[in-house]
Amino acid sequence: MKWLLDQDGVAAIPKASRRESQQANLDALKITLDDADREKIAALAKDRRCVNPGFAPAWD
């Protein structure tokens, strides 16, 4: 979430109905990412999911 919030021109719109999830989203504002963190996140594979829950749609 913090990485998304740091991106120019990107609107991060989280969906959270549980209070704990809402708080976790707000807590992302307290996190500080340095350049090395951003580079590692940007280097993650973009052609596959890192998390694939059972309810996720089947993407091409």
N, C-alpha and C. Protein backbone atom coordinates (compact mmCIF):
# COMPACT_ATOMS: atom_id res chain seq x y z
N MET A 1 0.82 -1.18 0.00
CA MET A 1 0.00 0.00 0.00
C MET A 1 0.87 1.25 0.00
N LYS A 2 1.91 1.26 0.82
CA LYS A 2 2.76 2.45 0.89
C LYS A 2 3.43 2.71 -0.46
N TRP A 3 3.86 1.66 -1.13
CA TRP A 3 4.50 1.83 -2.44
C TRP A 3 3.53 2.49 -3.41
N LEU A 4 2.27 2.06 -3.40
CA LEU A 4 1.27 2.68 -4.27
C LEU A 4 1.05 4.14 -3.91
N LEU A 5 0.99 4.42 -2.62
CA LEU A 5 0.76 5.80 -2.18
C LEU A 5 1.90 6.72 -2.60
N ASP A 6 3.10 6.18 -2.72
CA ASP A 6 4.27 6.97 -3.11
C ASP A 6 4.36 7.22 -4.62
N GLN A 7 3.53 6.56 -5.42
CA GLN A 7 3.61 6.69 -6.88
C GLN A 7 2.91 7.96 -7.36
N ASP A 8 3.57 8.70 -8.24
CA ASP A 8 2.95 9.87 -8.86
C ASP A 8 1.88 9.42 -9.84
N GLY A 9 0.75 10.08 -9.82
CA GLY A 9 -0.30 9.80 -10.77
C GLY A 9 -1.08 8.52 -10.51
N VAL A 10 -0.91 7.93 -9.34
CA VAL A 10 -1.62 6.70 -9.00
C VAL A 10 -2.54 6.97 -7.81
N ALA A 11 -3.78 6.56 -7.94
CA ALA A 11 -4.73 6.68 -6.83
C ALA A 11 -4.94 5.29 -6.24
N ALA A 12 -4.50 5.11 -5.01
CA ALA A 12 -4.70 3.83 -4.32
C ALA A 12 -6.04 3.89 -3.61
N ILE A 13 -6.95 3.01 -4.01
CA ILE A 13 -8.29 2.98 -3.41
C ILE A 13 -8.48 1.60 -2.79
N PRO A 14 -8.14 1.46 -1.51
CA PRO A 14 -8.27 0.15 -0.88
C PRO A 14 -9.72 -0.18 -0.56
N LYS A 15 -10.03 -1.46 -0.60
CA LYS A 15 -11.35 -1.93 -0.18
C LYS A 15 -11.16 -2.65 1.15
N ALA A 16 -11.71 -2.07 2.18
CA ALA A 16 -11.58 -2.68 3.50
C ALA A 16 -12.87 -2.44 4.28
N SER A 17 -13.55 -3.51 4.61
CA SER A 17 -14.77 -3.36 5.39
C SER A 17 -14.53 -3.67 6.86
N ARG A 18 -13.52 -4.47 7.13
CA ARG A 18 -13.21 -4.78 8.54
C ARG A 18 -12.37 -3.67 9.15
N ARG A 19 -12.65 -3.37 10.40
CA ARG A 19 -11.95 -2.30 11.10
C ARG A 19 -10.43 -2.55 11.11
N GLU A 20 -10.02 -3.81 11.29
CA GLU A 20 -8.59 -4.14 11.34
C GLU A 20 -7.92 -3.84 10.00
N SER A 21 -8.61 -4.14 8.92
CA SER A 21 -8.06 -3.89 7.59
C SER A 21 -7.98 -2.39 7.31
N GLN A 22 -8.99 -1.66 7.74
CA GLN A 22 -8.97 -0.20 7.58
C GLN A 22 -7.79 0.40 8.34
N GLN A 23 -7.55 -0.10 9.56
CA GLN A 23 -6.43 0.40 10.35
C GLN A 23 -5.10 0.05 9.69
N ALA A 24 -4.99 -1.15 9.14
CA ALA A 24 -3.76 -1.54 8.45
C ALA A 24 -3.49 -0.63 7.27
N ASN A 25 -4.55 -0.25 6.54
CA ASN A 25 -4.37 0.68 5.42
C ASN A 25 -3.89 2.03 5.90
N LEU A 26 -4.46 2.53 6.99
CA LEU A 26 -4.02 3.82 7.54
C LEU A 26 -2.59 3.74 8.06
N ASP A 27 -2.22 2.60 8.64
CA ASP A 27 -0.87 2.42 9.16
C ASP A 27 0.19 2.48 8.06
N ALA A 28 -0.21 2.22 6.82
CA ALA A 28 0.74 2.31 5.70
C ALA A 28 1.31 3.72 5.57
N LEU A 29 0.57 4.71 6.05
CA LEU A 29 1.06 6.10 5.99
C LEU A 29 2.26 6.31 6.90
N LYS A 30 2.45 5.43 7.87
CA LYS A 30 3.56 5.57 8.83
C LYS A 30 4.84 4.90 8.34
N ILE A 31 4.75 4.13 7.28
CA ILE A 31 5.90 3.38 6.77
C ILE A 31 6.76 4.29 5.89
N THR A 32 8.06 4.12 5.99
CA THR A 32 8.99 4.84 5.14
C THR A 32 9.74 3.85 4.26
N LEU A 33 9.66 4.05 2.96
CA LEU A 33 10.41 3.22 2.02
C LEU A 33 11.61 4.01 1.52
N ASP A 34 12.77 3.36 1.51
CA ASP A 34 13.93 4.04 0.93
C ASP A 34 14.07 3.62 -0.53
N ASP A 35 15.05 4.17 -1.21
CA ASP A 35 15.23 3.88 -2.63
C ASP A 35 15.46 2.40 -2.89
N ALA A 36 16.19 1.74 -2.00
CA ALA A 36 16.45 0.30 -2.17
C ALA A 36 15.15 -0.49 -2.07
N ASP A 37 14.28 -0.11 -1.13
CA ASP A 37 12.98 -0.78 -1.01
C ASP A 37 12.17 -0.61 -2.29
N ARG A 38 12.11 0.62 -2.79
CA ARG A 38 11.34 0.90 -4.01
C ARG A 38 11.87 0.12 -5.21
N GLU A 39 13.19 0.00 -5.30
CA GLU A 39 13.80 -0.74 -6.41
C GLU A 39 13.44 -2.22 -6.34
N LYS A 40 13.46 -2.78 -5.13
CA LYS A 40 13.11 -4.20 -4.97
C LYS A 40 11.66 -4.44 -5.34
N ILE A 41 10.78 -3.56 -4.91
CA ILE A 41 9.36 -3.71 -5.23
C ILE A 41 9.14 -3.55 -6.73
N ALA A 42 9.77 -2.56 -7.34
CA ALA A 42 9.63 -2.32 -8.77
C ALA A 42 10.17 -3.49 -9.59
N ALA A 43 11.11 -4.24 -9.05
CA ALA A 43 11.72 -5.37 -9.77
C ALA A 43 10.89 -6.65 -9.69
N LEU A 44 9.84 -6.66 -8.88
CA LEU A 44 9.00 -7.86 -8.79
C LEU A 44 8.38 -8.17 -10.14
N ALA A 45 8.20 -9.46 -10.41
CA ALA A 45 7.60 -9.89 -11.68
C ALA A 45 6.20 -9.31 -11.81
N LYS A 46 5.90 -8.79 -12.99
CA LYS A 46 4.60 -8.18 -13.23
C LYS A 46 3.70 -9.08 -14.08
N ASP A 47 4.22 -10.24 -14.47
CA ASP A 47 3.45 -11.14 -15.32
C ASP A 47 2.83 -12.29 -14.54
N ARG A 48 2.88 -12.22 -13.22
CA ARG A 48 2.26 -13.26 -12.40
C ARG A 48 1.89 -12.68 -11.04
N ARG A 49 0.99 -13.39 -10.38
CA ARG A 49 0.55 -12.97 -9.05
C ARG A 49 1.53 -13.47 -7.99
N CYS A 50 1.74 -12.67 -6.98
CA CYS A 50 2.53 -13.12 -5.83
C CYS A 50 1.62 -13.83 -4.83
N VAL A 51 0.36 -13.42 -4.81
CA VAL A 51 -0.65 -14.03 -3.95
C VAL A 51 -1.82 -14.39 -4.84
N ASN A 52 -2.32 -15.58 -4.73
CA ASN A 52 -3.40 -16.02 -5.60
C ASN A 52 -4.48 -16.70 -4.75
N PRO A 53 -5.34 -15.90 -4.10
CA PRO A 53 -6.38 -16.50 -3.25
C PRO A 53 -7.43 -17.23 -4.08
N GLY A 54 -8.13 -18.13 -3.47
CA GLY A 54 -9.12 -18.94 -4.16
C GLY A 54 -10.24 -18.13 -4.80
N PHE A 55 -10.53 -16.95 -4.25
CA PHE A 55 -11.62 -16.13 -4.78
C PHE A 55 -11.18 -15.23 -5.93
N ALA A 56 -9.89 -15.23 -6.27
CA ALA A 56 -9.38 -14.36 -7.32
C ALA A 56 -9.88 -14.82 -8.69
N PRO A 57 -10.18 -13.87 -9.57
CA PRO A 57 -10.61 -14.26 -10.92
C PRO A 57 -9.46 -14.88 -11.71
N ALA A 58 -9.78 -15.64 -12.72
CA ALA A 58 -8.77 -16.25 -13.59
C ALA A 58 -8.34 -15.20 -14.63
N TRP A 59 -7.15 -14.66 -14.46
CA TRP A 59 -6.64 -13.64 -15.38
C TRP A 59 -5.83 -14.32 -16.47
N ASP A 60 -5.78 -13.71 -17.62
CA ASP A 60 -4.95 -14.22 -18.72
C ASP A 60 -3.52 -13.86 -18.49
